[in-house]
N, C-alpha and C. Protein backbone atom coordinates (compact mmCIF):
# COMPACT_ATOMS: atom_id res chain seq x y z
N MET A 1 71.17 106.56 100.69
CA MET A 1 69.79 106.50 101.13
C MET A 1 68.99 105.63 100.15
N GLN A 2 67.90 105.08 100.65
CA GLN A 2 67.06 104.23 99.81
C GLN A 2 65.59 104.56 100.02
N VAL A 3 64.82 104.46 98.94
CA VAL A 3 63.37 104.65 98.99
C VAL A 3 62.70 103.34 98.61
N ASP A 4 61.76 102.91 99.43
CA ASP A 4 60.95 101.74 99.11
C ASP A 4 59.74 102.23 98.31
N PRO A 5 59.67 101.96 97.02
CA PRO A 5 58.56 102.48 96.21
C PRO A 5 57.20 101.92 96.61
N ASP A 6 57.19 100.78 97.29
CA ASP A 6 55.91 100.20 97.73
C ASP A 6 55.31 100.96 98.90
N THR A 7 56.16 101.36 99.84
CA THR A 7 55.68 102.10 101.01
C THR A 7 55.83 103.60 100.85
N GLY A 8 56.72 104.03 99.95
CA GLY A 8 57.00 105.45 99.81
C GLY A 8 57.81 106.02 100.94
N LEU A 9 58.54 105.17 101.66
CA LEU A 9 59.34 105.62 102.80
C LEU A 9 60.82 105.57 102.46
N ILE A 10 61.55 106.55 103.01
CA ILE A 10 62.99 106.65 102.78
C ILE A 10 63.73 106.23 104.04
N SER A 11 64.90 105.67 103.87
CA SER A 11 65.74 105.32 105.01
C SER A 11 67.20 105.59 104.66
N PRO A 12 68.01 105.94 105.67
CA PRO A 12 67.63 106.13 107.06
C PRO A 12 66.92 107.47 107.25
N ALA A 13 65.94 107.48 108.13
CA ALA A 13 65.20 108.70 108.43
C ALA A 13 64.39 108.48 109.70
N ARG A 14 64.02 109.57 110.31
CA ARG A 14 63.05 109.56 111.41
C ARG A 14 61.67 109.69 110.77
N HIS A 15 60.72 108.88 111.21
CA HIS A 15 59.39 108.88 110.61
C HIS A 15 58.35 109.35 111.62
N VAL A 16 57.65 110.42 111.26
CA VAL A 16 56.59 111.00 112.08
C VAL A 16 55.42 111.27 111.14
N GLN A 17 54.32 110.57 111.31
CA GLN A 17 53.22 110.68 110.35
C GLN A 17 52.34 111.90 110.62
N SER A 18 52.26 112.76 109.64
CA SER A 18 51.39 113.94 109.73
C SER A 18 49.97 113.55 109.32
N PRO A 19 48.97 114.12 110.00
CA PRO A 19 47.59 113.89 109.56
C PRO A 19 47.24 114.71 108.31
N ASN A 20 48.11 115.65 107.97
CA ASN A 20 47.84 116.56 106.84
C ASN A 20 48.33 115.93 105.54
N ARG A 21 47.57 114.97 105.08
CA ARG A 21 47.93 114.22 103.88
C ARG A 21 46.66 113.57 103.35
N ASP A 22 46.68 113.16 102.11
CA ASP A 22 45.58 112.41 101.52
C ASP A 22 46.08 111.69 100.28
N PRO A 23 45.27 110.81 99.70
CA PRO A 23 45.74 110.06 98.53
C PRO A 23 45.98 110.99 97.34
N ARG A 24 46.96 110.64 96.54
CA ARG A 24 47.12 111.34 95.26
C ARG A 24 45.93 110.96 94.36
N PRO A 25 45.54 111.84 93.47
CA PRO A 25 44.48 111.48 92.52
C PRO A 25 44.87 110.26 91.70
N ALA A 26 43.89 109.52 91.27
CA ALA A 26 44.15 108.31 90.47
C ALA A 26 45.01 108.64 89.26
N GLY A 27 46.03 107.83 89.06
CA GLY A 27 46.90 108.00 87.91
C GLY A 27 48.05 108.97 88.12
N PHE A 28 48.13 109.58 89.31
CA PHE A 28 49.20 110.53 89.59
C PHE A 28 50.31 109.87 90.39
N ALA A 29 51.55 110.21 90.05
CA ALA A 29 52.74 109.73 90.75
C ALA A 29 53.72 110.89 90.84
N PRO A 30 54.73 110.78 91.70
CA PRO A 30 55.70 111.88 91.81
C PRO A 30 56.42 112.16 90.50
N GLU A 31 56.35 113.43 90.06
CA GLU A 31 57.02 113.86 88.84
C GLU A 31 57.86 115.11 89.06
N LEU A 32 57.82 115.67 90.25
CA LEU A 32 58.48 116.94 90.53
C LEU A 32 58.86 116.98 92.00
N VAL A 33 60.01 117.57 92.30
CA VAL A 33 60.40 117.84 93.68
C VAL A 33 60.37 119.34 93.90
N VAL A 34 59.71 119.76 94.97
CA VAL A 34 59.61 121.18 95.31
C VAL A 34 60.39 121.42 96.60
N LEU A 35 61.32 122.37 96.54
CA LEU A 35 62.13 122.72 97.71
C LEU A 35 61.54 123.93 98.42
N HIS A 36 61.46 123.81 99.74
CA HIS A 36 60.95 124.87 100.60
C HIS A 36 62.01 125.22 101.64
N GLY A 37 61.83 126.35 102.30
CA GLY A 37 62.63 126.71 103.45
C GLY A 37 61.71 126.97 104.62
N ILE A 38 62.13 126.54 105.82
CA ILE A 38 61.28 126.73 106.99
C ILE A 38 62.14 126.95 108.23
N SER A 39 61.68 127.83 109.10
CA SER A 39 62.29 127.99 110.42
C SER A 39 61.19 128.46 111.36
N LEU A 40 61.12 127.82 112.51
CA LEU A 40 60.11 128.15 113.51
C LEU A 40 60.75 128.23 114.89
N PRO A 41 60.57 129.39 115.56
CA PRO A 41 60.07 130.66 115.03
C PRO A 41 60.97 131.17 113.89
N PRO A 42 60.52 132.15 113.13
CA PRO A 42 61.31 132.63 112.00
C PRO A 42 62.73 133.00 112.40
N GLY A 43 63.71 132.43 111.69
CA GLY A 43 65.11 132.73 111.96
C GLY A 43 65.72 131.91 113.07
N GLU A 44 64.97 131.00 113.67
CA GLU A 44 65.48 130.15 114.74
C GLU A 44 65.43 128.70 114.29
N PHE A 45 66.43 127.93 114.74
CA PHE A 45 66.56 126.54 114.31
C PHE A 45 66.57 125.60 115.50
N GLY A 46 66.25 124.34 115.24
CA GLY A 46 66.22 123.34 116.29
C GLY A 46 64.86 123.27 116.96
N GLY A 47 64.76 122.39 117.93
CA GLY A 47 63.49 122.23 118.62
C GLY A 47 62.52 121.39 117.82
N ASP A 48 61.29 121.32 118.32
CA ASP A 48 60.29 120.45 117.68
C ASP A 48 59.11 121.22 117.12
N TRP A 49 59.34 122.49 116.79
CA TRP A 49 58.23 123.32 116.32
C TRP A 49 57.73 122.90 114.94
N VAL A 50 58.62 122.43 114.08
CA VAL A 50 58.16 121.97 112.77
C VAL A 50 57.30 120.72 112.93
N ASP A 51 57.73 119.81 113.80
CA ASP A 51 56.88 118.67 114.13
C ASP A 51 55.50 119.14 114.57
N ALA A 52 55.49 120.08 115.49
CA ALA A 52 54.22 120.56 116.04
C ALA A 52 53.34 121.15 114.94
N LEU A 53 53.93 121.90 114.03
CA LEU A 53 53.15 122.49 112.94
C LEU A 53 52.54 121.40 112.06
N PHE A 54 53.34 120.43 111.67
CA PHE A 54 52.87 119.40 110.76
C PHE A 54 51.95 118.38 111.43
N LEU A 55 51.94 118.38 112.78
CA LEU A 55 51.05 117.48 113.52
C LEU A 55 49.83 118.21 114.07
N ASN A 56 49.69 119.50 113.71
CA ASN A 56 48.56 120.33 114.18
C ASN A 56 48.57 120.49 115.70
N ARG A 57 49.77 120.62 116.26
CA ARG A 57 49.91 120.75 117.71
C ARG A 57 50.66 122.03 118.10
N LEU A 58 50.73 122.98 117.20
CA LEU A 58 51.48 124.20 117.47
C LEU A 58 50.74 125.04 118.50
N ASP A 59 51.44 125.40 119.57
CA ASP A 59 50.85 126.21 120.65
C ASP A 59 50.85 127.67 120.23
N PRO A 60 49.70 128.28 120.02
CA PRO A 60 49.66 129.67 119.57
C PRO A 60 50.18 130.66 120.60
N GLU A 61 50.33 130.21 121.84
CA GLU A 61 50.81 131.10 122.89
C GLU A 61 52.31 130.99 123.11
N ALA A 62 52.96 130.07 122.41
CA ALA A 62 54.39 129.85 122.62
C ALA A 62 55.25 130.92 121.97
N HIS A 63 54.72 131.58 120.93
CA HIS A 63 55.45 132.63 120.22
C HIS A 63 54.43 133.46 119.46
N PRO A 64 54.63 134.78 119.37
CA PRO A 64 53.65 135.61 118.66
C PRO A 64 53.38 135.14 117.23
N TYR A 65 54.40 134.67 116.53
CA TYR A 65 54.20 134.22 115.15
C TYR A 65 53.30 133.00 115.08
N PHE A 66 53.38 132.16 116.10
CA PHE A 66 52.59 130.93 116.08
C PHE A 66 51.09 131.22 116.10
N ALA A 67 50.71 132.34 116.70
CA ALA A 67 49.29 132.70 116.73
C ALA A 67 48.76 132.96 115.33
N GLU A 68 49.65 133.37 114.42
CA GLU A 68 49.24 133.66 113.04
C GLU A 68 49.05 132.40 112.21
N ILE A 69 49.75 131.32 112.57
CA ILE A 69 49.75 130.12 111.72
C ILE A 69 49.18 128.89 112.43
N ALA A 70 48.73 129.04 113.66
CA ALA A 70 48.33 127.87 114.45
C ALA A 70 47.21 127.08 113.80
N GLY A 71 46.34 127.72 113.05
CA GLY A 71 45.23 127.01 112.42
C GLY A 71 45.52 126.48 111.04
N VAL A 72 46.72 126.72 110.55
CA VAL A 72 47.08 126.28 109.19
C VAL A 72 47.31 124.77 109.18
N ARG A 73 46.82 124.12 108.17
CA ARG A 73 46.99 122.67 108.03
C ARG A 73 47.91 122.41 106.84
N VAL A 74 49.17 122.16 107.15
CA VAL A 74 50.18 121.95 106.11
C VAL A 74 51.07 120.78 106.49
N SER A 75 51.85 120.34 105.53
CA SER A 75 52.83 119.28 105.77
C SER A 75 53.81 119.29 104.61
N ALA A 76 54.83 118.49 104.74
CA ALA A 76 55.77 118.22 103.65
C ALA A 76 56.12 116.75 103.74
N HIS A 77 56.66 116.22 102.67
CA HIS A 77 57.09 114.84 102.74
C HIS A 77 58.31 114.69 103.65
N LEU A 78 59.27 115.62 103.49
CA LEU A 78 60.51 115.53 104.26
C LEU A 78 60.89 116.87 104.85
N LEU A 79 61.63 116.80 105.95
CA LEU A 79 62.37 117.93 106.51
C LEU A 79 63.83 117.52 106.59
N ILE A 80 64.72 118.38 106.09
CA ILE A 80 66.16 118.19 106.28
C ILE A 80 66.63 119.31 107.18
N ASP A 81 67.06 118.96 108.40
CA ASP A 81 67.43 119.99 109.37
C ASP A 81 68.85 120.49 109.12
N ARG A 82 69.31 121.40 109.96
CA ARG A 82 70.60 122.04 109.75
C ARG A 82 71.77 121.06 109.83
N LEU A 83 71.56 119.93 110.52
CA LEU A 83 72.60 118.92 110.65
C LEU A 83 72.55 117.89 109.53
N GLY A 84 71.57 118.03 108.65
CA GLY A 84 71.43 117.08 107.55
C GLY A 84 70.60 115.86 107.88
N SER A 85 69.95 115.86 109.04
CA SER A 85 69.10 114.73 109.42
C SER A 85 67.74 114.84 108.73
N VAL A 86 67.16 113.69 108.42
CA VAL A 86 65.90 113.65 107.67
C VAL A 86 64.76 113.18 108.55
N THR A 87 63.65 113.90 108.49
CA THR A 87 62.38 113.46 109.08
C THR A 87 61.37 113.34 107.95
N GLN A 88 60.68 112.20 107.90
CA GLN A 88 59.63 112.01 106.90
C GLN A 88 58.27 112.08 107.58
N TYR A 89 57.40 112.93 107.04
CA TYR A 89 56.07 113.14 107.60
C TYR A 89 54.97 112.49 106.76
N VAL A 90 55.21 112.33 105.48
CA VAL A 90 54.21 111.79 104.57
C VAL A 90 54.90 110.84 103.59
N SER A 91 54.29 109.70 103.35
CA SER A 91 54.81 108.78 102.33
C SER A 91 54.84 109.49 100.98
N PHE A 92 55.86 109.19 100.19
CA PHE A 92 55.94 109.78 98.86
C PHE A 92 54.77 109.34 97.97
N ASN A 93 54.13 108.25 98.35
CA ASN A 93 53.00 107.75 97.56
C ASN A 93 51.70 108.48 97.89
N GLU A 94 51.75 109.34 98.92
CA GLU A 94 50.59 110.13 99.28
C GLU A 94 50.85 111.60 98.97
N ARG A 95 49.81 112.38 99.04
CA ARG A 95 49.89 113.81 98.77
C ARG A 95 50.11 114.57 100.08
N ALA A 96 51.21 115.29 100.16
CA ALA A 96 51.44 116.20 101.28
C ALA A 96 50.90 117.57 100.89
N TRP A 97 50.60 118.38 101.88
CA TRP A 97 49.98 119.68 101.65
C TRP A 97 51.03 120.77 101.78
N HIS A 98 51.84 120.94 100.77
CA HIS A 98 52.99 121.84 100.86
C HIS A 98 53.00 122.96 99.83
N ALA A 99 52.39 122.76 98.68
CA ALA A 99 52.56 123.71 97.58
C ALA A 99 51.53 124.83 97.58
N GLY A 100 50.32 124.55 98.02
CA GLY A 100 49.26 125.55 97.94
C GLY A 100 48.89 125.85 96.50
N VAL A 101 48.38 127.05 96.28
CA VAL A 101 48.05 127.47 94.91
C VAL A 101 49.35 127.53 94.11
N SER A 102 49.43 126.77 93.04
CA SER A 102 50.72 126.59 92.38
C SER A 102 50.53 126.20 90.92
N ASP A 103 51.61 126.40 90.16
CA ASP A 103 51.59 126.09 88.73
C ASP A 103 53.01 125.75 88.28
N TYR A 104 53.16 124.63 87.60
CA TYR A 104 54.46 124.21 87.08
C TYR A 104 54.33 124.01 85.57
N PHE A 105 54.80 124.98 84.81
CA PHE A 105 54.72 124.95 83.35
C PHE A 105 53.31 124.61 82.87
N GLY A 106 52.34 125.33 83.44
CA GLY A 106 50.96 125.17 83.01
C GLY A 106 50.17 124.10 83.74
N ARG A 107 50.83 123.35 84.60
CA ARG A 107 50.13 122.33 85.39
C ARG A 107 49.85 122.90 86.78
N SER A 108 48.60 122.99 87.14
CA SER A 108 48.24 123.53 88.44
C SER A 108 48.16 122.41 89.48
N ALA A 109 47.85 122.80 90.73
CA ALA A 109 47.69 121.83 91.82
C ALA A 109 48.92 120.93 91.94
N CYS A 110 50.07 121.53 92.18
CA CYS A 110 51.33 120.78 92.19
C CYS A 110 51.40 119.72 93.28
N ASN A 111 50.61 119.86 94.34
CA ASN A 111 50.60 118.81 95.36
C ASN A 111 50.27 117.45 94.77
N ASP A 112 49.46 117.44 93.71
CA ASP A 112 49.02 116.17 93.12
C ASP A 112 50.17 115.33 92.60
N PHE A 113 51.21 115.98 92.09
CA PHE A 113 52.27 115.23 91.39
C PHE A 113 53.67 115.57 91.88
N SER A 114 53.76 116.17 93.06
CA SER A 114 55.09 116.58 93.54
C SER A 114 55.42 116.00 94.90
N ILE A 115 56.69 116.09 95.22
CA ILE A 115 57.23 115.75 96.54
C ILE A 115 57.75 117.04 97.15
N GLY A 116 57.34 117.35 98.36
CA GLY A 116 57.76 118.57 99.04
C GLY A 116 58.85 118.29 100.05
N ILE A 117 59.96 119.00 99.93
CA ILE A 117 61.08 118.86 100.86
C ILE A 117 61.34 120.20 101.52
N GLU A 118 61.24 120.22 102.83
CA GLU A 118 61.54 121.42 103.61
C GLU A 118 63.00 121.38 104.05
N LEU A 119 63.70 122.48 103.82
CA LEU A 119 65.06 122.66 104.33
C LEU A 119 64.97 123.64 105.49
N GLU A 120 65.51 123.26 106.63
CA GLU A 120 65.49 124.17 107.77
C GLU A 120 66.42 125.34 107.47
N GLY A 121 65.84 126.51 107.31
CA GLY A 121 66.64 127.67 106.96
C GLY A 121 65.77 128.87 106.65
N THR A 122 66.42 129.93 106.19
CA THR A 122 65.72 131.16 105.81
C THR A 122 66.15 131.57 104.41
N ASP A 123 65.42 132.51 103.85
CA ASP A 123 65.73 132.96 102.49
C ASP A 123 67.12 133.55 102.34
N ASP A 124 67.62 134.18 103.41
CA ASP A 124 68.86 134.95 103.29
C ASP A 124 70.02 134.40 104.12
N MET A 125 69.90 133.20 104.65
CA MET A 125 70.97 132.58 105.42
C MET A 125 71.45 131.33 104.69
N PRO A 126 72.76 131.17 104.47
CA PRO A 126 73.24 130.01 103.73
C PRO A 126 72.79 128.69 104.36
N TYR A 127 72.41 127.76 103.52
CA TYR A 127 72.12 126.41 104.00
C TYR A 127 73.44 125.70 104.28
N THR A 128 73.40 124.63 105.06
CA THR A 128 74.62 124.00 105.53
C THR A 128 75.15 122.96 104.55
N ASP A 129 76.45 122.65 104.70
CA ASP A 129 77.05 121.60 103.88
C ASP A 129 76.28 120.29 104.04
N GLU A 130 75.91 120.00 105.29
CA GLU A 130 75.21 118.75 105.57
C GLU A 130 73.86 118.69 104.85
N GLN A 131 73.19 119.83 104.75
CA GLN A 131 71.90 119.85 104.05
C GLN A 131 72.06 119.58 102.56
N TYR A 132 73.06 120.19 101.95
CA TYR A 132 73.28 119.95 100.52
C TYR A 132 73.64 118.49 100.26
N GLU A 133 74.47 117.92 101.12
CA GLU A 133 74.88 116.53 100.93
C GLU A 133 73.68 115.59 101.07
N THR A 134 72.88 115.82 102.11
CA THR A 134 71.70 114.97 102.32
C THR A 134 70.69 115.15 101.20
N LEU A 135 70.45 116.39 100.80
CA LEU A 135 69.48 116.65 99.73
C LEU A 135 69.89 115.94 98.45
N ALA A 136 71.16 115.99 98.11
CA ALA A 136 71.63 115.30 96.90
C ALA A 136 71.39 113.80 96.99
N ALA A 137 71.65 113.24 98.17
CA ALA A 137 71.43 111.80 98.36
C ALA A 137 69.95 111.45 98.28
N VAL A 138 69.10 112.31 98.83
CA VAL A 138 67.65 112.09 98.77
C VAL A 138 67.17 112.12 97.32
N LEU A 139 67.61 113.11 96.56
CA LEU A 139 67.17 113.22 95.17
C LEU A 139 67.61 112.02 94.35
N SER A 140 68.80 111.53 94.60
CA SER A 140 69.29 110.36 93.88
C SER A 140 68.47 109.12 94.23
N ALA A 141 68.13 108.99 95.52
CA ALA A 141 67.31 107.85 95.94
C ALA A 141 65.91 107.93 95.34
N LEU A 142 65.35 109.12 95.26
CA LEU A 142 64.03 109.29 94.65
C LEU A 142 64.06 108.93 93.17
N ALA A 143 65.14 109.31 92.49
CA ALA A 143 65.26 109.00 91.07
C ALA A 143 65.34 107.50 90.83
N GLU A 144 65.93 106.78 91.78
CA GLU A 144 65.99 105.33 91.67
C GLU A 144 64.61 104.71 91.83
N ALA A 145 63.79 105.29 92.71
CA ALA A 145 62.51 104.68 93.06
C ALA A 145 61.38 105.05 92.12
N TYR A 146 61.44 106.26 91.55
CA TYR A 146 60.32 106.76 90.74
C TYR A 146 60.82 107.15 89.35
N PRO A 147 60.44 106.40 88.32
CA PRO A 147 60.94 106.65 86.97
C PRO A 147 60.74 108.08 86.49
N ALA A 148 59.63 108.71 86.86
CA ALA A 148 59.35 110.07 86.39
C ALA A 148 60.31 111.09 86.98
N LEU A 149 61.04 110.70 88.04
CA LEU A 149 62.01 111.60 88.65
C LEU A 149 63.43 111.32 88.18
N ALA A 150 63.58 110.49 87.16
CA ALA A 150 64.91 110.10 86.70
C ALA A 150 65.73 111.29 86.22
N ALA A 151 65.07 112.34 85.76
CA ALA A 151 65.79 113.54 85.32
C ALA A 151 65.92 114.56 86.43
N VAL A 152 65.50 114.19 87.64
CA VAL A 152 65.58 115.04 88.83
C VAL A 152 64.99 116.43 88.56
N PRO A 153 63.73 116.53 88.19
CA PRO A 153 63.12 117.85 88.04
C PRO A 153 62.88 118.49 89.41
N VAL A 154 63.53 119.60 89.66
CA VAL A 154 63.47 120.26 90.96
C VAL A 154 63.09 121.72 90.76
N ALA A 155 62.18 122.21 91.59
CA ALA A 155 61.79 123.62 91.55
C ALA A 155 61.75 124.15 92.97
N GLY A 156 61.94 125.45 93.10
CA GLY A 156 61.72 126.09 94.38
C GLY A 156 60.25 126.42 94.54
N HIS A 157 59.82 126.59 95.79
CA HIS A 157 58.44 127.00 96.02
C HIS A 157 58.16 128.32 95.29
N LYS A 158 59.18 129.17 95.24
CA LYS A 158 59.05 130.46 94.55
C LYS A 158 58.78 130.29 93.06
N ASP A 159 59.24 129.18 92.49
CA ASP A 159 59.07 128.95 91.06
C ASP A 159 57.65 128.53 90.70
N ILE A 160 57.00 127.82 91.61
CA ILE A 160 55.65 127.34 91.32
C ILE A 160 54.57 128.24 91.93
N ALA A 161 55.00 129.19 92.77
CA ALA A 161 54.05 130.15 93.35
C ALA A 161 54.69 131.54 93.36
N PRO A 162 55.09 132.04 92.18
CA PRO A 162 55.79 133.33 92.11
C PRO A 162 54.89 134.47 92.59
N GLY A 163 55.51 135.38 93.33
CA GLY A 163 54.77 136.49 93.88
C GLY A 163 54.12 136.18 95.20
N ARG A 164 53.94 134.90 95.48
CA ARG A 164 53.33 134.48 96.75
C ARG A 164 54.36 133.89 97.70
N LYS A 165 55.35 133.20 97.14
CA LYS A 165 56.37 132.54 97.94
C LYS A 165 57.76 132.92 97.44
N THR A 166 58.74 132.89 98.35
CA THR A 166 60.12 133.26 98.00
C THR A 166 61.12 132.15 98.32
N ASP A 167 60.70 131.13 99.02
CA ASP A 167 61.63 130.08 99.44
C ASP A 167 61.96 129.11 98.29
N PRO A 168 63.13 128.49 98.35
CA PRO A 168 64.10 128.46 99.44
C PRO A 168 64.99 129.69 99.54
N GLY A 169 64.74 130.71 98.74
CA GLY A 169 65.42 131.99 98.90
C GLY A 169 66.66 132.16 98.06
N THR A 170 67.18 133.38 98.12
CA THR A 170 68.39 133.72 97.36
C THR A 170 69.63 133.05 97.92
N SER A 171 69.54 132.55 99.14
CA SER A 171 70.70 131.90 99.75
C SER A 171 70.90 130.47 99.24
N PHE A 172 69.91 129.92 98.55
CA PHE A 172 70.05 128.54 98.09
C PHE A 172 70.90 128.50 96.83
N ASP A 173 71.90 127.62 96.85
CA ASP A 173 72.87 127.51 95.75
C ASP A 173 72.45 126.38 94.81
N TRP A 174 71.76 126.73 93.73
CA TRP A 174 71.27 125.72 92.79
C TRP A 174 72.41 125.01 92.06
N LEU A 175 73.48 125.73 91.75
CA LEU A 175 74.60 125.09 91.07
C LEU A 175 75.28 124.07 91.97
N ARG A 176 75.36 124.38 93.24
CA ARG A 176 75.94 123.42 94.18
C ARG A 176 75.07 122.17 94.25
N LEU A 177 73.77 122.34 94.27
CA LEU A 177 72.89 121.17 94.26
C LEU A 177 73.10 120.35 93.00
N ASP A 178 73.23 121.02 91.87
CA ASP A 178 73.45 120.34 90.60
C ASP A 178 74.69 119.46 90.67
N ARG A 179 75.78 120.02 91.19
CA ARG A 179 77.02 119.24 91.32
C ARG A 179 76.84 118.11 92.32
N GLY A 180 76.16 118.39 93.42
CA GLY A 180 75.97 117.38 94.45
C GLY A 180 75.15 116.21 93.98
N VAL A 181 74.13 116.48 93.17
CA VAL A 181 73.30 115.40 92.63
C VAL A 181 74.12 114.51 91.72
N ALA A 182 75.00 115.11 90.92
CA ALA A 182 75.85 114.32 90.03
C ALA A 182 76.74 113.39 90.83
N VAL A 183 77.35 113.90 91.90
CA VAL A 183 78.23 113.08 92.73
C VAL A 183 77.45 111.98 93.42
N ALA A 184 76.32 112.35 94.03
CA ALA A 184 75.52 111.36 94.75
C ALA A 184 75.00 110.29 93.81
N SER A 185 74.65 110.68 92.60
CA SER A 185 74.11 109.72 91.64
C SER A 185 75.16 108.71 91.21
N LYS A 186 76.37 109.18 90.99
CA LYS A 186 77.44 108.26 90.61
C LYS A 186 77.69 107.26 91.74
N ARG A 187 77.63 107.74 92.98
CA ARG A 187 77.82 106.85 94.12
C ARG A 187 76.67 105.85 94.20
N GLN A 188 75.45 106.33 94.00
CA GLN A 188 74.26 105.49 94.13
C GLN A 188 74.16 104.48 93.00
N ARG A 189 74.57 104.88 91.81
CA ARG A 189 74.35 104.05 90.63
C ARG A 189 75.63 103.37 90.14
N GLY A 190 76.63 103.30 90.97
CA GLY A 190 77.83 102.58 90.60
C GLY A 190 78.60 103.19 89.47
N GLY A 191 78.59 104.53 89.38
CA GLY A 191 79.41 105.21 88.39
C GLY A 191 78.65 105.77 87.22
N ARG A 192 77.37 105.38 87.04
CA ARG A 192 76.61 105.91 85.91
C ARG A 192 76.07 107.29 86.25
N THR A 193 76.21 108.21 85.35
CA THR A 193 75.78 109.59 85.57
C THR A 193 74.27 109.71 85.43
N LEU A 194 73.67 110.46 86.32
CA LEU A 194 72.23 110.71 86.28
C LEU A 194 71.96 111.98 85.51
N GLU A 195 71.05 111.92 84.56
CA GLU A 195 70.64 113.12 83.83
C GLU A 195 70.00 114.09 84.81
N LYS A 196 70.26 115.36 84.63
CA LYS A 196 69.77 116.35 85.58
C LYS A 196 69.02 117.45 84.84
N ALA A 197 67.99 117.97 85.48
CA ALA A 197 67.28 119.13 84.97
C ALA A 197 66.91 119.98 86.17
N VAL A 198 67.90 120.63 86.75
CA VAL A 198 67.71 121.35 88.00
C VAL A 198 67.37 122.80 87.71
N SER A 199 66.35 123.31 88.38
CA SER A 199 65.93 124.70 88.21
C SER A 199 67.06 125.63 88.60
N ALA A 200 67.28 126.67 87.84
CA ALA A 200 68.34 127.64 88.14
C ALA A 200 67.72 128.99 88.45
């Protein structure tokens, strides 16, 4: 995978622009990747409900849960579905609305300096092989495009919003991601190992 640092777009990917975005504050660039888990309706996969949520088109009558979140204005930079396919909703050079009230080692407002990646899944259901492979490739591509991400700083939503959020959940295998990033990085960088600092 490749990221164009000028446009902030990744390829190959499906691109659907969310209105839930705005410019990063002056002087801010991506320095952190935040992993989330999402399924709409809860525990169900597939369909276009995530698109609908991020495009502010969620039908509150389509499912009881949707009535609770229909007015929420959120987005993420990327979604990686169960098959490992990527949809990009917000340029990495812009701020997506994914973190909410958050803190990363004393730095608040994580949306300002982070990239949000949604994994289609739940807290207690294993993520797929395809998702881990794609995520590793995405992280390696981001490290190539943005110098501040060269050490691949990754956190779960639960890490930056403890007590409020639990995703990507206990089912997410951080050690597997660590190994996957190393493999993807060697492939991306022609054999040179990428330094890693993956949250455990």
